[in-house]
Amino acid sequence: MMLRRTCLLAGAGAAAALALSSAVVGVEAFAPQSNARSVTKLNNDIAPTGFDSFRDLKDITNLPDGEEQRKYRRTVYTHDDWKKHRSQDRFFYYLAAIFSSGVYKNLFREVSLVSIIATFVVVYNGITHGYTDLDGVKHSGLIEFLPKLALPLNVFTVTSPSLGLLLVFRTNTSYKRWDEARKNWGMNINHTRDLVRMANTFYDTSGVSPEKRADDLNHVALCTWAFVRAMKRHLSPEEEDEAEFRAELYEKLPPQQAEKIIAAAHRPNRALQDLSFAINDLPMHFLRKNEVHSAVTIFEDNLGSSERLLTSPVPLFYSRHLARFLAIWLFLLPLGMYDAFSASWNHTALIPSMAVISVMLLGLEEIGTQLEEPFTVLPMQAFCDKIYGWCMEIMSWSPGDNGRPMKPVKPEHVYFTEGEVAEYTNGGY
């Protein structure tokens, strides 16, 4: 009878651990991965925003796990998205969709292991130091000579501040990396528009046909876009972007230029060189050309900063020490928390509590790890598409097309429009 009840206790504990860990990270984690990914669907098949992410739970319960889910985090907000983001109901939506969280799905194995350890502690201490059966009858331990699995809670109280500092530094550093990458692309967006605006404004139309002007400026716009698109490919996984990159270049650029960029060992450098050639061929004074070229230098700086982020992670010894510290701390925590749950039946409340605690703490480390490499969660393709549209639009504008006639160039400004010819005409230096 005692053996049967002991088996019942062990089975109940194991079932509770399994049920809790699956509930926390989503029951769909047990489904075959191929089936789960085949029915993945998000609102409008793009990265969701605000509480739209959780409006139709049935449509998003199979969000891919691991690397596949990163493409669904490339959000671009609008005013409507911010209104939803600030919704007073956001907590209810987020809690209702907790089982669909991609972050929590990634933690399934770790949370399961902590839950299993907690279950083992409950069952072991019940067998060795007594337990209460389903009828409420207390029984002595079956193997009383074995020691009790427990640790003083002070051990975790003393070490928790250090663990907290490590986690805070990890997440803050990763966010700073994401923020720097986003600022690099913000600079790209700003200075692509600035470059094509200056090229359009400074273009000297003296003796140049409208068709020639349109062709020159169109070439500058395309070369500007080609750089940011090459930078996006340079910072993206080959299997995700190579085919699309080639197709876009052949669609928008002259075949020879596209082939030269694709064949280059460092494609963004080749695209920047083409842009420099295009700027240099524009009919304008060299001082104005220098001003346009300054934007190209900023592109080079943004590229170098992004390459540094891509190739240099947070020091590995820091990340590894944090992972080991957190894992060992969580694996031992059931021993320190065991006595605190003496009011529950056979201390079984320890199992779900440990599952929830491990999800929260491991989730912080997971968020830091996901943010550390920022480029595959940034909407770089959306940035490139917007840059292309803006550049082509700016280049389509011409002086006087707003109905206001352009004033003649003042004599003292002729030097800046006609360049070296004006120098010698006016006496030069």
Protein backbone atom coordinates (compact mmCIF):
# COMPACT_ATOMS: atom_id res chain seq x y z
CA MET A 1 0.00 0.00 0.00
CA MET A 2 2.78 2.40 0.92
CA LEU A 3 4.61 1.59 -2.30
CA ARG A 4 1.48 2.26 -4.33
CA ARG A 5 0.95 5.61 -2.65
CA THR A 6 4.58 6.53 -3.10
CA CYS A 7 4.31 5.80 -6.81
CA LEU A 8 1.16 7.89 -6.85
CA LEU A 9 3.02 10.78 -5.26
CA ALA A 10 5.87 10.52 -7.76
CA GLY A 11 3.49 10.27 -10.69
CA ALA A 12 1.48 13.26 -9.53
CA GLY A 13 4.62 15.35 -9.12
CA ALA A 14 5.97 14.40 -12.55
CA ALA A 15 2.62 15.10 -14.20
CA ALA A 16 2.42 18.49 -12.51
CA ALA A 17 5.90 19.43 -13.69
CA LEU A 18 5.20 18.36 -17.25
CA ALA A 19 1.85 20.12 -17.36
CA LEU A 20 3.20 23.33 -15.87
CA SER A 21 6.22 23.57 -18.15
CA SER A 22 4.11 22.89 -21.22
CA ALA A 23 1.52 25.44 -20.17
CA VAL A 24 4.11 28.14 -19.55
CA VAL A 25 5.82 27.80 -22.92
CA GLY A 26 2.77 26.71 -24.89
CA VAL A 27 1.28 23.29 -25.43
CA GLU A 28 2.08 23.52 -29.10
CA ALA A 29 5.74 23.04 -28.22
CA PHE A 30 4.97 19.32 -28.08
CA ALA A 31 3.66 19.30 -31.65
CA PRO A 32 5.99 18.26 -34.49
CA GLN A 33 7.93 21.30 -35.60
CA SER A 34 7.24 20.74 -39.29
CA ASN A 35 3.49 20.85 -38.73
CA ALA A 36 3.73 23.87 -36.46
CA ARG A 37 5.63 25.93 -38.98
CA SER A 38 3.49 24.94 -41.91
CA VAL A 39 0.43 26.71 -40.47
CA THR A 40 2.19 29.77 -39.11
CA LYS A 41 0.11 32.88 -39.71
CA LEU A 42 0.21 36.41 -38.38
CA ASN A 43 -2.03 39.38 -39.01
CA ASN A 44 -1.54 40.33 -42.66
CA ASP A 45 1.46 37.97 -42.74
CA ILE A 46 3.78 40.70 -41.44
CA ALA A 47 5.31 41.49 -38.10
CA PRO A 48 2.44 42.35 -35.74
CA THR A 49 2.31 45.54 -33.72
CA GLY A 50 0.77 46.56 -30.42
CA PHE A 51 -1.96 44.31 -29.10
CA ASP A 52 -2.79 43.36 -32.70
CA SER A 53 -0.27 40.61 -32.04
CA PHE A 54 -2.86 38.89 -29.85
CA ARG A 55 -6.19 39.92 -31.39
CA ASP A 56 -6.82 36.52 -33.01
CA LEU A 57 -5.13 34.01 -30.76
CA LYS A 58 -6.13 31.07 -32.92
CA ASP A 59 -4.12 32.51 -35.82
CA ILE A 60 -0.85 33.00 -33.95
CA THR A 61 -0.60 30.02 -31.63
CA ASN A 62 1.94 28.42 -33.97
CA LEU A 63 4.47 31.24 -34.09
CA PRO A 64 7.76 29.62 -35.13
CA ASP A 65 10.42 29.14 -32.49
CA GLY A 66 14.17 29.73 -32.64
CA GLU A 67 15.67 31.66 -35.53
CA GLU A 68 12.51 31.51 -37.64
CA GLN A 69 10.62 33.83 -35.30
CA ARG A 70 13.09 36.72 -35.64
CA LYS A 71 11.61 37.86 -38.94
CA TYR A 72 8.28 38.42 -37.18
CA ARG A 73 9.85 40.97 -34.81
CA ARG A 74 10.68 43.55 -37.53
CA THR A 75 8.05 46.08 -36.61
CA VAL A 76 7.61 49.56 -38.08
CA TYR A 77 5.17 51.64 -36.05
CA THR A 78 2.66 54.21 -37.26
CA HIS A 79 0.42 56.51 -35.23
CA ASP A 80 -2.32 53.87 -35.18
CA ASP A 81 0.14 51.29 -33.89
CA TRP A 82 1.23 53.60 -31.07
CA LYS A 83 -2.40 54.10 -30.04
CA LYS A 84 -2.83 50.34 -29.83
CA HIS A 85 0.49 50.03 -28.03
CA ARG A 86 -0.76 52.42 -25.33
CA SER A 87 -4.14 50.71 -25.04
CA GLN A 88 -5.47 50.38 -21.49
CA ASP A 89 -6.34 46.77 -22.30
CA ARG A 90 -2.82 45.81 -23.27
CA PHE A 91 -2.15 43.85 -20.07
CA PHE A 92 -5.18 41.63 -20.66
CA TYR A 93 -4.18 40.95 -24.25
CA TYR A 94 -0.57 40.20 -23.31
CA LEU A 95 -1.56 37.89 -20.46
CA ALA A 96 -4.13 36.11 -22.61
CA ALA A 97 -1.43 35.36 -25.18
CA ILE A 98 1.29 34.33 -22.73
CA PHE A 99 1.19 30.74 -23.97
CA SER A 100 1.92 31.97 -27.51
CA SER A 101 5.01 34.00 -26.61
CA GLY A 102 7.96 33.21 -28.82
CA VAL A 103 10.38 34.10 -26.02
CA TYR A 104 8.79 31.56 -23.67
CA LYS A 105 8.70 28.87 -26.35
CA ASN A 106 12.44 29.17 -26.73
CA LEU A 107 12.80 28.34 -23.02
CA PHE A 108 10.87 25.07 -23.08
CA ARG A 109 13.82 22.78 -22.34
CA GLU A 110 15.28 24.97 -19.60
CA VAL A 111 11.93 25.45 -17.85
CA SER A 112 11.19 21.73 -18.14
CA LEU A 113 14.53 20.86 -16.54
CA VAL A 114 13.96 23.22 -13.59
CA SER A 115 10.45 21.78 -13.15
CA ILE A 116 11.83 18.23 -13.22
CA ILE A 117 14.43 19.12 -10.58
CA ALA A 118 11.71 20.63 -8.39
CA THR A 119 9.61 17.49 -8.88
CA PHE A 120 12.56 15.30 -7.92
CA VAL A 121 13.15 17.33 -4.74
CA VAL A 122 9.47 16.97 -3.74
CA VAL A 123 9.36 13.23 -4.43
CA TYR A 124 12.76 12.50 -2.87
CA ASN A 125 12.03 14.40 0.35
CA GLY A 126 8.62 12.77 0.53
CA ILE A 127 10.14 9.30 0.29
CA THR A 128 12.95 9.99 2.75
CA HIS A 129 11.27 12.28 5.30
CA GLY A 130 7.60 11.48 5.10
CA TYR A 131 4.59 12.47 3.01
CA THR A 132 0.84 12.91 3.20
CA ASP A 133 -1.36 10.65 1.09
CA LEU A 134 -4.53 11.63 -0.73
CA ASP A 135 -6.61 10.82 2.34
CA GLY A 136 -4.66 13.31 4.42
CA VAL A 137 -2.84 10.62 6.41
CA LYS A 138 0.79 11.37 7.20
CA HIS A 139 3.36 8.63 6.64
CA SER A 140 6.97 8.39 7.73
CA GLY A 141 9.72 8.20 5.19
CA LEU A 142 10.54 4.91 3.52
CA ILE A 143 14.30 5.54 3.46
CA GLU A 144 14.85 7.72 6.51
CA PHE A 145 18.63 7.41 6.71
CA LEU A 146 19.11 9.51 3.56
CA PRO A 147 19.65 13.28 4.06
CA LYS A 148 16.98 15.82 3.22
CA LEU A 149 17.46 17.83 0.04
CA ALA A 150 17.37 21.42 1.25
CA LEU A 151 19.52 24.54 1.42
CA PRO A 152 19.22 27.68 3.53
CA LEU A 153 17.29 30.36 1.67
CA ASN A 154 19.96 32.87 2.72
CA VAL A 155 22.27 31.35 0.10
CA PHE A 156 20.00 32.69 -2.63
CA THR A 157 19.27 35.95 -0.84
CA VAL A 158 22.98 36.73 -0.75
CA THR A 159 23.64 35.84 -4.39
CA SER A 160 20.49 37.28 -5.99
CA PRO A 161 21.80 40.91 -6.14
CA SER A 162 24.83 39.76 -8.13
CA LEU A 163 22.63 37.78 -10.49
CA GLY A 164 20.34 40.77 -10.89
CA LEU A 165 23.24 43.06 -11.78
CA LEU A 166 24.52 40.58 -14.35
CA LEU A 167 21.08 40.31 -15.97
CA VAL A 168 20.57 44.09 -16.00
CA PHE A 169 23.97 44.68 -17.57
CA ARG A 170 23.26 41.97 -20.15
CA THR A 171 19.91 43.37 -21.24
CA ASN A 172 21.09 47.00 -21.16
CA THR A 173 24.18 46.24 -23.25
CA SER A 174 22.12 44.29 -25.78
CA TYR A 175 19.58 47.10 -26.04
CA LYS A 176 22.36 49.62 -26.61
CA ARG A 177 23.61 47.46 -29.48
CA TRP A 178 20.11 47.36 -30.98
CA ASP A 179 19.76 51.10 -30.51
CA GLU A 180 23.08 51.80 -32.21
CA ALA A 181 22.14 49.62 -35.17
CA ARG A 182 18.79 51.40 -35.46
CA LYS A 183 20.54 54.79 -35.33
CA ASN A 184 22.91 53.69 -38.09
CA TRP A 185 19.96 52.94 -40.32
CA GLY A 186 18.31 56.18 -39.25
CA MET A 187 21.43 58.02 -40.41
CA ASN A 188 21.27 56.11 -43.70
CA ILE A 189 17.68 57.19 -44.20
CA ASN A 190 18.44 60.82 -43.38
CA HIS A 191 21.53 61.17 -45.50
CA THR A 192 20.21 59.32 -48.55
CA ARG A 193 17.47 61.92 -48.74
CA ASP A 194 20.00 64.67 -48.07
CA LEU A 195 22.34 63.42 -50.79
CA VAL A 196 19.75 63.19 -53.55
CA ARG A 197 18.26 66.55 -52.52
CA MET A 198 21.65 68.25 -52.86
CA ALA A 199 22.36 66.48 -56.15
CA ASN A 200 19.02 67.63 -57.52
CA THR A 201 19.46 71.20 -56.27
CA PHE A 202 23.13 71.70 -57.19
CA TYR A 203 22.83 70.20 -60.67
CA ASP A 204 23.98 72.76 -63.25
CA THR A 205 21.53 72.62 -66.15
CA SER A 206 23.56 74.98 -68.38
CA GLY A 207 23.84 73.32 -71.76
CA VAL A 208 22.26 70.09 -70.49
CA SER A 209 19.07 68.68 -71.95
CA PRO A 210 16.19 67.75 -69.61
CA GLU A 211 16.61 64.13 -70.65
CA LYS A 212 20.30 64.14 -69.72
CA ARG A 213 19.53 65.77 -66.38
CA ALA A 214 16.83 63.20 -65.61
CA ASP A 215 19.16 60.33 -66.55
CA ASP A 216 22.05 61.60 -64.41
CA LEU A 217 19.88 62.17 -61.35
CA ASN A 218 18.10 58.86 -61.80
CA HIS A 219 21.50 57.15 -61.83
CA VAL A 220 22.51 58.88 -58.59
CA ALA A 221 19.24 57.82 -56.96
CA LEU A 222 19.71 54.21 -58.03
CA CYS A 223 23.32 54.15 -56.83
CA THR A 224 22.20 55.56 -53.48
CA TRP A 225 19.60 52.83 -53.13
CA ALA A 226 22.07 50.18 -54.29
CA PHE A 227 24.36 51.00 -51.37
CA VAL A 228 21.73 50.61 -48.65
CA ARG A 229 20.43 47.43 -50.31
CA ALA A 230 23.96 46.02 -50.47
CA MET A 231 24.47 46.97 -46.82
CA LYS A 232 21.27 45.16 -45.90
CA ARG A 233 22.46 42.03 -47.69
CA HIS A 234 25.89 42.39 -46.06
CA LEU A 235 24.28 42.32 -42.60
CA SER A 236 21.74 39.55 -43.31
CA PRO A 237 22.09 35.75 -43.43
CA GLU A 238 22.89 34.50 -46.92
CA GLU A 239 20.10 31.93 -46.96
CA GLU A 240 17.53 34.60 -46.15
CA ASP A 241 18.45 37.41 -48.52
CA GLU A 242 20.83 36.38 -51.31
CA ALA A 243 18.23 35.42 -53.91
CA GLU A 244 16.08 38.49 -53.23
CA PHE A 245 19.15 40.74 -53.33
CA ARG A 246 20.21 39.51 -56.77
CA ALA A 247 16.67 39.78 -58.12
CA GLU A 248 16.27 43.37 -56.91
CA LEU A 249 19.60 44.49 -58.33
CA TYR A 250 18.91 43.00 -61.76
CA GLU A 251 15.44 44.56 -61.70
CA LYS A 252 16.50 48.13 -60.84
CA LEU A 253 20.11 48.53 -62.04
CA PRO A 254 21.78 48.21 -65.45
CA PRO A 255 22.94 44.58 -65.88
CA GLN A 256 26.65 45.38 -65.86
CA GLN A 257 26.43 47.47 -62.72
CA ALA A 258 24.39 44.79 -60.97
CA GLU A 259 26.93 42.11 -61.94
CA LYS A 260 29.84 44.19 -60.66
CA ILE A 261 28.19 44.68 -57.27
CA ILE A 262 27.22 41.01 -56.94
CA ALA A 263 30.71 39.84 -57.91
CA ALA A 264 32.50 42.19 -55.50
CA ALA A 265 34.17 40.75 -52.41
CA HIS A 266 32.71 43.62 -50.36
CA ARG A 267 29.48 44.62 -52.04
CA PRO A 268 28.67 47.79 -50.05
CA ASN A 269 32.13 49.16 -50.89
CA ARG A 270 31.53 48.56 -54.58
CA ALA A 271 28.12 50.22 -54.37
CA LEU A 272 29.67 53.23 -52.60
CA GLN A 273 32.31 53.48 -55.30
CA ASP A 274 29.63 53.51 -57.99
CA LEU A 275 27.84 56.26 -56.06
CA SER A 276 31.04 58.31 -55.87
CA PHE A 277 31.57 57.94 -59.62
CA ALA A 278 27.97 59.03 -60.24
CA ILE A 279 28.37 62.12 -58.05
CA ASN A 280 31.66 63.00 -59.66
CA ASP A 281 30.05 62.97 -63.12
CA LEU A 282 27.40 65.51 -62.17
CA PRO A 283 27.83 69.00 -63.68
CA MET A 284 28.31 71.17 -60.59
CA HIS A 285 31.03 73.13 -58.87
CA PHE A 286 33.63 71.05 -57.01
CA LEU A 287 32.76 72.69 -53.68
CA ARG A 288 29.20 71.50 -54.07
CA LYS A 289 30.42 68.06 -55.08
CA ASN A 290 32.46 67.91 -51.90
CA GLU A 291 29.33 68.68 -49.91
CA VAL A 292 27.47 65.84 -51.62
CA HIS A 293 30.42 63.49 -51.08
CA SER A 294 30.29 64.20 -47.34
CA ALA A 295 27.10 62.14 -47.18
CA VAL A 296 28.97 59.20 -48.75
CA THR A 297 31.54 59.40 -45.96
CA ILE A 298 28.73 59.14 -43.42
CA PHE A 299 27.48 56.01 -45.20
CA GLU A 300 30.93 54.49 -44.79
CA ASP A 301 30.91 55.31 -41.08
CA ASN A 302 27.49 53.72 -40.61
CA LEU A 303 28.63 50.63 -42.46
CA GLY A 304 31.74 50.30 -40.31
CA SER A 305 29.76 50.74 -37.11
CA SER A 306 27.29 48.06 -38.21
CA GLU A 307 30.07 45.65 -39.15
CA ARG A 308 31.55 46.11 -35.68
CA LEU A 309 28.23 45.18 -34.07
CA LEU A 310 27.84 42.15 -36.33
CA THR A 311 31.32 40.74 -35.79
CA SER A 312 31.90 41.62 -32.12
CA PRO A 313 29.43 40.16 -29.61
CA VAL A 314 29.27 40.94 -25.92
CA PRO A 315 32.46 39.30 -24.54
CA LEU A 316 31.80 35.58 -24.55
CA PHE A 317 33.18 34.98 -21.07
CA TYR A 318 30.56 37.39 -19.71
CA SER A 319 27.67 35.74 -21.54
CA ARG A 320 28.82 32.25 -20.59
CA HIS A 321 29.36 33.12 -16.94
CA LEU A 322 25.89 34.65 -16.74
CA ALA A 323 24.32 31.57 -18.36
CA ARG A 324 26.14 29.25 -15.94
CA PHE A 325 25.37 31.42 -12.93
CA LEU A 326 21.67 31.62 -13.81
CA ALA A 327 21.37 27.90 -14.62
CA ILE A 328 23.05 26.71 -11.42
CA TRP A 329 21.13 29.27 -9.35
CA LEU A 330 17.80 28.05 -10.75
CA PHE A 331 18.73 24.37 -10.50
CA LEU A 332 19.52 24.77 -6.80
CA LEU A 333 16.65 27.14 -5.99
CA PRO A 334 14.12 24.30 -5.38
CA LEU A 335 16.31 23.17 -2.47
CA GLY A 336 16.14 26.60 -0.89
CA MET A 337 12.41 27.08 -1.56
CA TYR A 338 11.30 23.60 -0.41
CA ASP A 339 10.53 24.48 3.22
CA ALA A 340 8.73 27.67 2.21
CA PHE A 341 5.96 25.55 0.64
CA SER A 342 5.32 23.34 3.66
CA ALA A 343 1.71 24.56 3.80
CA SER A 344 0.92 22.95 0.42
CA TRP A 345 0.22 19.25 -0.03
CA ASN A 346 3.62 17.50 0.09
CA HIS A 347 5.24 20.82 -0.93
CA THR A 348 3.91 20.32 -4.48
CA ALA A 349 3.25 24.06 -4.93
CA LEU A 350 7.03 24.30 -5.30
CA ILE A 351 6.79 22.82 -8.82
CA PRO A 352 4.57 25.43 -10.53
CA SER A 353 6.28 28.22 -8.59
CA MET A 354 9.69 27.15 -9.87
CA ALA A 355 8.35 26.95 -13.43
CA VAL A 356 7.05 30.54 -13.26
CA ILE A 357 10.22 31.88 -11.60
CA SER A 358 12.46 30.18 -14.17
CA VAL A 359 10.40 31.58 -17.07
CA MET A 360 10.70 35.12 -15.74
CA LEU A 361 14.46 34.98 -15.07
CA LEU A 362 15.42 32.94 -18.11
CA GLY A 363 13.21 35.25 -20.18
CA LEU A 364 15.42 38.21 -19.27
CA GLU A 365 18.53 36.38 -20.42
CA GLU A 366 16.74 35.26 -23.59
CA ILE A 367 15.69 38.82 -24.43
CA GLY A 368 19.27 40.01 -24.01
CA THR A 369 20.52 37.25 -26.28
CA GLN A 370 17.90 38.00 -28.94
CA LEU A 371 18.76 41.73 -28.96
CA GLU A 372 22.52 41.22 -29.01
CA GLU A 373 22.59 40.72 -32.79
CA PRO A 374 20.15 43.43 -33.87
CA PHE A 375 20.12 43.27 -37.65
CA THR A 376 17.89 40.24 -38.13
CA VAL A 377 15.22 41.86 -35.94
CA LEU A 378 15.43 45.28 -37.60
CA PRO A 379 13.08 45.94 -40.56
CA MET A 380 15.98 46.62 -42.92
CA GLN A 381 14.04 45.64 -46.03
CA ALA A 382 11.35 48.16 -45.14
CA PHE A 383 14.05 50.81 -44.72
CA CYS A 384 15.52 50.01 -48.14
CA ASP A 385 12.12 50.11 -49.82
CA LYS A 386 11.33 53.47 -48.27
CA ILE A 387 14.73 54.87 -49.26
CA TYR A 388 14.17 53.78 -52.86
CA GLY A 389 10.76 55.42 -53.01
CA TRP A 390 11.94 58.66 -51.44
CA CYS A 391 15.07 58.93 -53.59
CA MET A 392 13.17 58.41 -56.81
CA GLU A 393 10.52 60.90 -55.78
CA ILE A 394 13.04 63.61 -54.86
CA MET A 395 14.87 63.15 -58.15
CA SER A 396 11.61 63.57 -60.07
CA TRP A 397 11.26 67.14 -58.85
CA SER A 398 12.71 69.98 -60.91
CA PRO A 399 13.28 73.71 -60.38
CA GLY A 400 10.11 75.70 -60.94
CA ASP A 401 7.73 72.74 -61.03
CA ASN A 402 5.89 74.17 -58.01
CA GLY A 403 4.70 77.14 -60.09
CA ARG A 404 7.22 79.58 -58.68
CA PRO A 405 9.73 80.73 -61.35
CA MET A 406 13.39 80.36 -60.45
CA LYS A 407 15.26 83.64 -60.08
CA PRO A 408 18.35 84.26 -62.24
CA VAL A 409 21.66 83.51 -60.60
CA LYS A 410 23.19 86.56 -58.99
CA PRO A 411 26.54 87.68 -60.45
CA GLU A 412 28.35 86.99 -57.19
CA HIS A 413 27.00 83.40 -57.22
CA VAL A 414 27.97 82.54 -60.79
CA TYR A 415 31.21 81.06 -59.52
CA PHE A 416 29.30 78.32 -57.69
CA THR A 417 27.19 77.36 -60.67
CA GLU A 418 29.62 77.54 -63.56
CA GLY A 419 32.70 76.43 -61.68
CA GLU A 420 36.16 76.85 -63.12
CA VAL A 421 34.87 78.55 -66.28
CA ALA A 422 33.52 81.39 -64.16
CA GLU A 423 36.85 81.65 -62.36
CA TYR A 424 38.76 82.50 -65.52
CA THR A 425 35.94 84.64 -66.94
CA ASN A 426 35.95 86.81 -63.84
CA GLY A 427 39.71 87.02 -63.57
CA GLY A 428 40.28 83.89 -61.52
CA TYR A 429 43.03 83.69 -58.98
